[in-house]
Amino acid sequence: YLNEDGWMLKDTTTPDGFYVDADGVW
């Protein structure tokens, strides 16, 4: 998942509620 600034999210929950791990993988 890429956020509003284009960064790939890591180890967090995306705005639509899915978790991505430390490598950014859902």
PDB file of all heavy atoms in Angstrom:
ATOM      1  N   TYR A   1       0.837  -1.204   0.000  1.00  0.00           N
ATOM      2  CA  TYR A   1       0.000   0.000   0.000  1.00  0.00           C
ATOM      3  C   TYR A   1       0.874   1.257   0.000  1.00  0.00           C
ATOM      4  O   TYR A   1       1.814   1.385   0.788  1.00  0.00           O
ATOM      5  CB  TYR A   1      -0.929   0.038   1.221  1.00  0.00           C
ATOM      6  CG  TYR A   1      -1.941   1.163   1.128  1.00  0.00           C
ATOM      7  CD1 TYR A   1      -3.134   0.991   0.432  1.00  0.00           C
ATOM      8  CD2 TYR A   1      -1.674   2.415   1.689  1.00  0.00           C
ATOM      9  CE1 TYR A   1      -4.052   2.020   0.306  1.00  0.00           C
ATOM     10  CE2 TYR A   1      -2.588   3.456   1.572  1.00  0.00           C
ATOM     11  CZ  TYR A   1      -3.770   3.269   0.878  1.00  0.00           C
ATOM     12  OH  TYR A   1      -4.666   4.285   0.751  1.00  0.00           O
ATOM     13  N   LEU A   2       0.531   2.211  -0.916  1.00  0.00           N
ATOM     14  CA  LEU A   2       1.232   3.495  -1.023  1.00  0.00           C
ATOM     15  C   LEU A   2       0.328   4.581  -0.450  1.00  0.00           C
ATOM     16  O   LEU A   2      -0.824   4.718  -0.871  1.00  0.00           O
ATOM     17  CB  LEU A   2       1.574   3.812  -2.488  1.00  0.00           C
ATOM     18  CG  LEU A   2       2.609   2.939  -3.217  1.00  0.00           C
ATOM     19  CD1 LEU A   2       3.908   2.862  -2.461  1.00  0.00           C
ATOM     20  CD2 LEU A   2       2.053   1.579  -3.560  1.00  0.00           C
ATOM     21  N   ASN A   3       0.854   5.384   0.486  1.00  0.00           N
ATOM     22  CA  ASN A   3       0.018   6.405   1.126  1.00  0.00           C
ATOM     23  C   ASN A   3      -0.095   7.669   0.285  1.00  0.00           C
ATOM     24  O   ASN A   3       0.340   7.705  -0.881  1.00  0.00           O
ATOM     25  CB  ASN A   3       0.514   6.694   2.546  1.00  0.00           C
ATOM     26  CG  ASN A   3       1.844   7.430   2.552  1.00  0.00           C
ATOM     27  OD1 ASN A   3       2.347   7.872   1.517  1.00  0.00           O
ATOM     28  ND2 ASN A   3       2.427   7.558   3.730  1.00  0.00           N
ATOM     29  N   GLU A   4      -0.657   8.735   0.903  1.00  0.00           N
ATOM     30  CA  GLU A   4      -0.919   9.966   0.150  1.00  0.00           C
ATOM     31  C   GLU A   4       0.351  10.659  -0.334  1.00  0.00           C
ATOM     32  O   GLU A   4       0.309  11.478  -1.253  1.00  0.00           O
ATOM     33  CB  GLU A   4      -1.747  10.946   0.999  1.00  0.00           C
ATOM     34  CG  GLU A   4      -1.022  11.507   2.224  1.00  0.00           C
ATOM     35  CD  GLU A   4      -1.130  10.601   3.441  1.00  0.00           C
ATOM     36  OE1 GLU A   4      -1.606   9.436   3.283  1.00  0.00           O
ATOM     37  OE2 GLU A   4      -0.761  11.039   4.547  1.00  0.00           O
ATOM     38  N   ASP A   5       1.505  10.323   0.260  1.00  0.00           N
ATOM     39  CA  ASP A   5       2.775  10.900  -0.175  1.00  0.00           C
ATOM     40  C   ASP A   5       3.564   9.948  -1.055  1.00  0.00           C
ATOM     41  O   ASP A   5       4.709  10.238  -1.435  1.00  0.00           O
ATOM     42  CB  ASP A   5       3.621  11.284   1.045  1.00  0.00           C
ATOM     43  CG  ASP A   5       2.966  12.384   1.872  1.00  0.00           C
ATOM     44  OD1 ASP A   5       2.464  13.347   1.258  1.00  0.00           O
ATOM     45  OD2 ASP A   5       2.949  12.273   3.111  1.00  0.00           O
ATOM     46  N   GLY A   6       2.953   8.809  -1.361  1.00  0.00           N
ATOM     47  CA  GLY A   6       3.620   7.845  -2.231  1.00  0.00           C
ATOM     48  C   GLY A   6       4.482   6.835  -1.504  1.00  0.00           C
ATOM     49  O   GLY A   6       5.089   5.969  -2.144  1.00  0.00           O
ATOM     50  N   TRP A   7       4.574   6.920  -0.170  1.00  0.00           N
ATOM     51  CA  TRP A   7       5.423   5.997   0.583  1.00  0.00           C
ATOM     52  C   TRP A   7       4.714   4.652   0.777  1.00  0.00           C
ATOM     53  O   TRP A   7       3.519   4.594   1.070  1.00  0.00           O
ATOM     54  CB  TRP A   7       5.758   6.565   1.962  1.00  0.00           C
ATOM     55  CG  TRP A   7       6.621   7.793   1.923  1.00  0.00           C
ATOM     56  CD1 TRP A   7       6.225   9.071   2.150  1.00  0.00           C
ATOM     57  CD2 TRP A   7       8.006   7.838   1.632  1.00  0.00           C
ATOM     58  NE1 TRP A   7       7.281   9.931   2.025  1.00  0.00           N
ATOM     59  CE2 TRP A   7       8.401   9.204   1.690  1.00  0.00           C
ATOM     60  CE3 TRP A   7       8.965   6.885   1.313  1.00  0.00           C
ATOM     61  CZ2 TRP A   7       9.691   9.625   1.467  1.00  0.00           C
ATOM     62  CZ3 TRP A   7      10.267   7.309   1.074  1.00  0.00           C
ATOM     63  CH2 TRP A   7      10.620   8.647   1.148  1.00  0.00           C
ATOM     64  N   MET A   8       5.496   3.578   0.642  1.00  0.00           N
ATOM     65  CA  MET A   8       4.978   2.247   0.937  1.00  0.00           C
ATOM     66  C   MET A   8       4.890   2.100   2.460  1.00  0.00           C
ATOM     67  O   MET A   8       5.864   2.328   3.182  1.00  0.00           O
ATOM     68  CB  MET A   8       5.901   1.177   0.367  1.00  0.00           C
ATOM     69  CG  MET A   8       5.391  -0.244   0.574  1.00  0.00           C
ATOM     70  SD  MET A   8       6.619  -1.483   0.071  1.00  0.00           S
ATOM     71  CE  MET A   8       7.778  -1.367   1.456  1.00  0.00           C
ATOM     72  N   LEU A   9       3.699   1.738   2.938  1.00  0.00           N
ATOM     73  CA  LEU A   9       3.509   1.574   4.381  1.00  0.00           C
ATOM     74  C   LEU A   9       4.120   0.258   4.863  1.00  0.00           C
ATOM     75  O   LEU A   9       4.139  -0.743   4.140  1.00  0.00           O
ATOM     76  CB  LEU A   9       2.026   1.618   4.711  1.00  0.00           C
ATOM     77  CG  LEU A   9       1.306   2.944   4.414  1.00  0.00           C
ATOM     78  CD1 LEU A   9      -0.147   2.872   4.899  1.00  0.00           C
ATOM     79  CD2 LEU A   9       2.027   4.119   5.071  1.00  0.00           C
ATOM     80  N   LYS A  10       4.625   0.287   6.107  1.00  0.00           N
ATOM     81  CA  LYS A  10       5.207  -0.907   6.728  1.00  0.00           C
ATOM     82  C   LYS A  10       4.707  -1.025   8.168  1.00  0.00           C
ATOM     83  O   LYS A  10       4.581  -0.017   8.875  1.00  0.00           O
ATOM     84  CB  LYS A  10       6.736  -0.824   6.742  1.00  0.00           C
ATOM     85  CG  LYS A  10       7.402  -0.709   5.392  1.00  0.00           C
ATOM     86  CD  LYS A  10       8.914  -0.605   5.573  1.00  0.00           C
ATOM     87  CE  LYS A  10       9.640  -0.406   4.263  1.00  0.00           C
ATOM     88  NZ  LYS A  10      11.112  -0.287   4.464  1.00  0.00           N
ATOM     89  N   ASP A  11       4.461  -2.274   8.587  1.00  0.00           N
ATOM     90  CA  ASP A  11       4.136  -2.585   9.979  1.00  0.00           C
ATOM     91  C   ASP A  11       3.066  -1.645  10.534  1.00  0.00           C
ATOM     92  O   ASP A  11       3.239  -1.025  11.591  1.00  0.00           O
ATOM     93  CB  ASP A  11       5.411  -2.502  10.824  1.00  0.00           C
ATOM     94  CG  ASP A  11       5.212  -3.119  12.215  1.00  0.00           C
ATOM     95  OD1 ASP A  11       4.275  -3.930  12.366  1.00  0.00           O
ATOM     96  OD2 ASP A  11       5.981  -2.769  13.125  1.00  0.00           O
ATOM     97  N   THR A  12       1.994  -1.523   9.782  1.00  0.00           N
ATOM     98  CA  THR A  12       0.909  -0.630  10.205  1.00  0.00           C
ATOM     99  C   THR A  12      -0.391  -1.069   9.544  1.00  0.00           C
ATOM    100  O   THR A  12      -0.404  -1.988   8.704  1.00  0.00           O
ATOM    101  CB  THR A  12       1.222   0.833   9.837  1.00  0.00           C
ATOM    102  OG1 THR A  12       0.249   1.690  10.454  1.00  0.00           O
ATOM    103  CG2 THR A  12       1.197   1.050   8.336  1.00  0.00           C
ATOM    104  N   THR A  13      -1.442  -0.398   9.917  1.00  0.00           N
ATOM    105  CA  THR A  13      -2.746  -0.657   9.307  1.00  0.00           C
ATOM    106  C   THR A  13      -3.024   0.411   8.255  1.00  0.00           C
ATOM    107  O   THR A  13      -2.853   1.610   8.501  1.00  0.00           O
ATOM    108  CB  THR A  13      -3.862  -0.638  10.360  1.00  0.00           C
ATOM    109  OG1 THR A  13      -3.602  -1.650  11.346  1.00  0.00           O
ATOM    110  CG2 THR A  13      -5.220  -0.912   9.723  1.00  0.00           C
ATOM    111  N   THR A  14      -3.446  -0.025   7.086  1.00  0.00           N
ATOM    112  CA  THR A  14      -3.706   0.910   5.990  1.00  0.00           C
ATOM    113  C   THR A  14      -4.998   1.679   6.258  1.00  0.00           C
ATOM    114  O   THR A  14      -5.799   1.275   7.097  1.00  0.00           O
ATOM    115  CB  THR A  14      -3.825   0.155   4.654  1.00  0.00           C
ATOM    116  OG1 THR A  14      -4.968  -0.722   4.735  1.00  0.00           O
ATOM    117  CG2 THR A  14      -2.562  -0.647   4.382  1.00  0.00           C
ATOM    118  N   PRO A  15      -5.210   2.789   5.539  1.00  0.00           N
ATOM    119  CA  PRO A  15      -6.443   3.569   5.755  1.00  0.00           C
ATOM    120  C   PRO A  15      -7.723   2.765   5.580  1.00  0.00           C
ATOM    121  O   PRO A  15      -8.755   3.101   6.184  1.00  0.00           O
ATOM    122  CB  PRO A  15      -6.330   4.683   4.714  1.00  0.00           C
ATOM    123  CG  PRO A  15      -4.866   4.843   4.501  1.00  0.00           C
ATOM    124  CD  PRO A  15      -4.302   3.459   4.605  1.00  0.00           C
ATOM    125  N   ASP A  16      -7.673   1.697   4.766  1.00  0.00           N
ATOM    126  CA  ASP A  16      -8.877   0.894   4.566  1.00  0.00           C
ATOM    127  C   ASP A  16      -8.916  -0.329   5.492  1.00  0.00           C
ATOM    128  O   ASP A  16      -9.704  -1.254   5.287  1.00  0.00           O
ATOM    129  CB  ASP A  16      -9.028   0.472   3.101  1.00  0.00           C
ATOM    130  CG  ASP A  16      -7.772  -0.150   2.524  1.00  0.00           C
ATOM    131  OD1 ASP A  16      -6.760  -0.209   3.235  1.00  0.00           O
ATOM    132  OD2 ASP A  16      -7.810  -0.553   1.350  1.00  0.00           O
ATOM    133  N   GLY A  17      -8.011  -0.342   6.496  1.00  0.00           N
ATOM    134  CA  GLY A  17      -8.135  -1.313   7.569  1.00  0.00           C
ATOM    135  C   GLY A  17      -7.394  -2.611   7.430  1.00  0.00           C
ATOM    136  O   GLY A  17      -7.649  -3.559   8.184  1.00  0.00           O
ATOM    137  N   PHE A  18      -6.415  -2.700   6.511  1.00  0.00           N
ATOM    138  CA  PHE A  18      -5.644  -3.936   6.354  1.00  0.00           C
ATOM    139  C   PHE A  18      -4.255  -3.754   6.958  1.00  0.00           C
ATOM    140  O   PHE A  18      -3.663  -2.677   6.876  1.00  0.00           O
ATOM    141  CB  PHE A  18      -5.532  -4.329   4.877  1.00  0.00           C
ATOM    142  CG  PHE A  18      -6.848  -4.695   4.260  1.00  0.00           C
ATOM    143  CD1 PHE A  18      -7.633  -3.726   3.634  1.00  0.00           C
ATOM    144  CD2 PHE A  18      -7.309  -5.995   4.311  1.00  0.00           C
ATOM    145  CE1 PHE A  18      -8.858  -4.068   3.073  1.00  0.00           C
ATOM    146  CE2 PHE A  18      -8.531  -6.334   3.742  1.00  0.00           C
ATOM    147  CZ  PHE A  18      -9.310  -5.364   3.127  1.00  0.00           C
ATOM    148  N   TYR A  19      -3.729  -4.828   7.495  1.00  0.00           N
ATOM    149  CA  TYR A  19      -2.408  -4.747   8.117  1.00  0.00           C
ATOM    150  C   TYR A  19      -1.339  -5.160   7.111  1.00  0.00           C
ATOM    151  O   TYR A  19      -1.479  -6.162   6.390  1.00  0.00           O
ATOM    152  CB  TYR A  19      -2.336  -5.657   9.344  1.00  0.00           C
ATOM    153  CG  TYR A  19      -0.969  -5.652   9.998  1.00  0.00           C
ATOM    154  CD1 TYR A  19      -0.548  -4.584  10.787  1.00  0.00           C
ATOM    155  CD2 TYR A  19      -0.102  -6.717   9.787  1.00  0.00           C
ATOM    156  CE1 TYR A  19       0.715  -4.574  11.367  1.00  0.00           C
ATOM    157  CE2 TYR A  19       1.165  -6.722  10.363  1.00  0.00           C
ATOM    158  CZ  TYR A  19       1.574  -5.641  11.145  1.00  0.00           C
ATOM    159  OH  TYR A  19       2.836  -5.637  11.709  1.00  0.00           O
ATOM    160  N   VAL A  20      -0.239  -4.368   7.049  1.00  0.00           N
ATOM    161  CA  VAL A  20       0.942  -4.710   6.239  1.00  0.00           C
ATOM    162  C   VAL A  20       2.100  -4.920   7.208  1.00  0.00           C
ATOM    163  O   VAL A  20       2.257  -4.181   8.192  1.00  0.00           O
ATOM    164  CB  VAL A  20       1.267  -3.625   5.201  1.00  0.00           C
ATOM    165  CG1 VAL A  20       0.231  -3.602   4.100  1.00  0.00           C
ATOM    166  CG2 VAL A  20       1.381  -2.251   5.845  1.00  0.00           C
ATOM    167  N   ASP A  21       2.915  -5.929   6.931  1.00  0.00           N
ATOM    168  CA  ASP A  21       3.982  -6.297   7.865  1.00  0.00           C
ATOM    169  C   ASP A  21       5.219  -5.414   7.694  1.00  0.00           C
ATOM    170  O   ASP A  21       5.178  -4.387   6.995  1.00  0.00           O
ATOM    171  CB  ASP A  21       4.325  -7.780   7.715  1.00  0.00           C
ATOM    172  CG  ASP A  21       4.908  -8.134   6.346  1.00  0.00           C
ATOM    173  OD1 ASP A  21       5.387  -7.215   5.623  1.00  0.00           O
ATOM    174  OD2 ASP A  21       4.893  -9.332   5.988  1.00  0.00           O
ATOM    175  N   ALA A  22       6.321  -5.819   8.311  1.00  0.00           N
ATOM    176  CA  ALA A  22       7.552  -5.021   8.307  1.00  0.00           C
ATOM    177  C   ALA A  22       8.145  -4.873   6.912  1.00  0.00           C
ATOM    178  O   ALA A  22       8.949  -3.966   6.666  1.00  0.00           O
ATOM    179  CB  ALA A  22       8.571  -5.638   9.256  1.00  0.00           C
ATOM    180  N   ASP A  23       7.777  -5.759   5.985  1.00  0.00           N
ATOM    181  CA  ASP A  23       8.239  -5.652   4.594  1.00  0.00           C
ATOM    182  C   ASP A  23       7.217  -4.953   3.716  1.00  0.00           C
ATOM    183  O   ASP A  23       7.404  -4.862   2.501  1.00  0.00           O
ATOM    184  CB  ASP A  23       8.519  -7.054   4.033  1.00  0.00           C
ATOM    185  CG  ASP A  23       9.695  -7.723   4.718  1.00  0.00           C
ATOM    186  OD1 ASP A  23      10.670  -7.001   5.046  1.00  0.00           O
ATOM    187  OD2 ASP A  23       9.635  -8.946   4.933  1.00  0.00           O
ATOM    188  N   GLY A  24       6.134  -4.474   4.311  1.00  0.00           N
ATOM    189  CA  GLY A  24       5.103  -3.776   3.552  1.00  0.00           C
ATOM    190  C   GLY A  24       4.079  -4.685   2.925  1.00  0.00           C
ATOM    191  O   GLY A  24       3.206  -4.225   2.176  1.00  0.00           O
ATOM    192  N   VAL A  25       4.151  -6.001   3.196  1.00  0.00           N
ATOM    193  CA  VAL A  25       3.275  -6.974   2.555  1.00  0.00           C
ATOM    194  C   VAL A  25       1.976  -7.114   3.355  1.00  0.00           C
ATOM    195  O   VAL A  25       1.992  -7.224   4.587  1.00  0.00           O
ATOM    196  CB  VAL A  25       3.969  -8.345   2.452  1.00  0.00           C
ATOM    197  CG1 VAL A  25       3.025  -9.381   1.829  1.00  0.00           C
ATOM    198  CG2 VAL A  25       5.245  -8.215   1.627  1.00  0.00           C
ATOM    199  N   TRP A  26       0.852  -7.111   2.645  1.00  0.00           N
ATOM    200  CA  TRP A  26      -0.452  -7.295   3.283  1.00  0.00           C
ATOM    201  C   TRP A  26      -0.525  -8.672   3.911  1.00  0.00           C
ATOM    202  O   TRP A  26      -0.222  -9.685   3.273  1.00  0.00           O
ATOM    203  CB  TRP A  26      -1.566  -7.129   2.246  1.00  0.00           C
ATOM    204  CG  TRP A  26      -2.923  -7.593   2.722  1.00  0.00           C
ATOM    205  CD1 TRP A  26      -3.523  -7.285   3.901  1.00  0.00           C
ATOM    206  CD2 TRP A  26      -3.811  -8.460   2.012  1.00  0.00           C
ATOM    207  NE1 TRP A  26      -4.744  -7.898   3.999  1.00  0.00           N
ATOM    208  CE2 TRP A  26      -4.961  -8.623   2.833  1.00  0.00           C
ATOM    209  CE3 TRP A  26      -3.768  -9.095   0.778  1.00  0.00           C
ATOM    210  CZ2 TRP A  26      -6.045  -9.418   2.463  1.00  0.00           C
ATOM    211  CZ3 TRP A  26      -4.847  -9.875   0.394  1.00  0.00           C
ATOM    212  CH2 TRP A  26      -5.965 -10.025   1.236  1.00  0.00           C
TER     213      TRP A  26
END
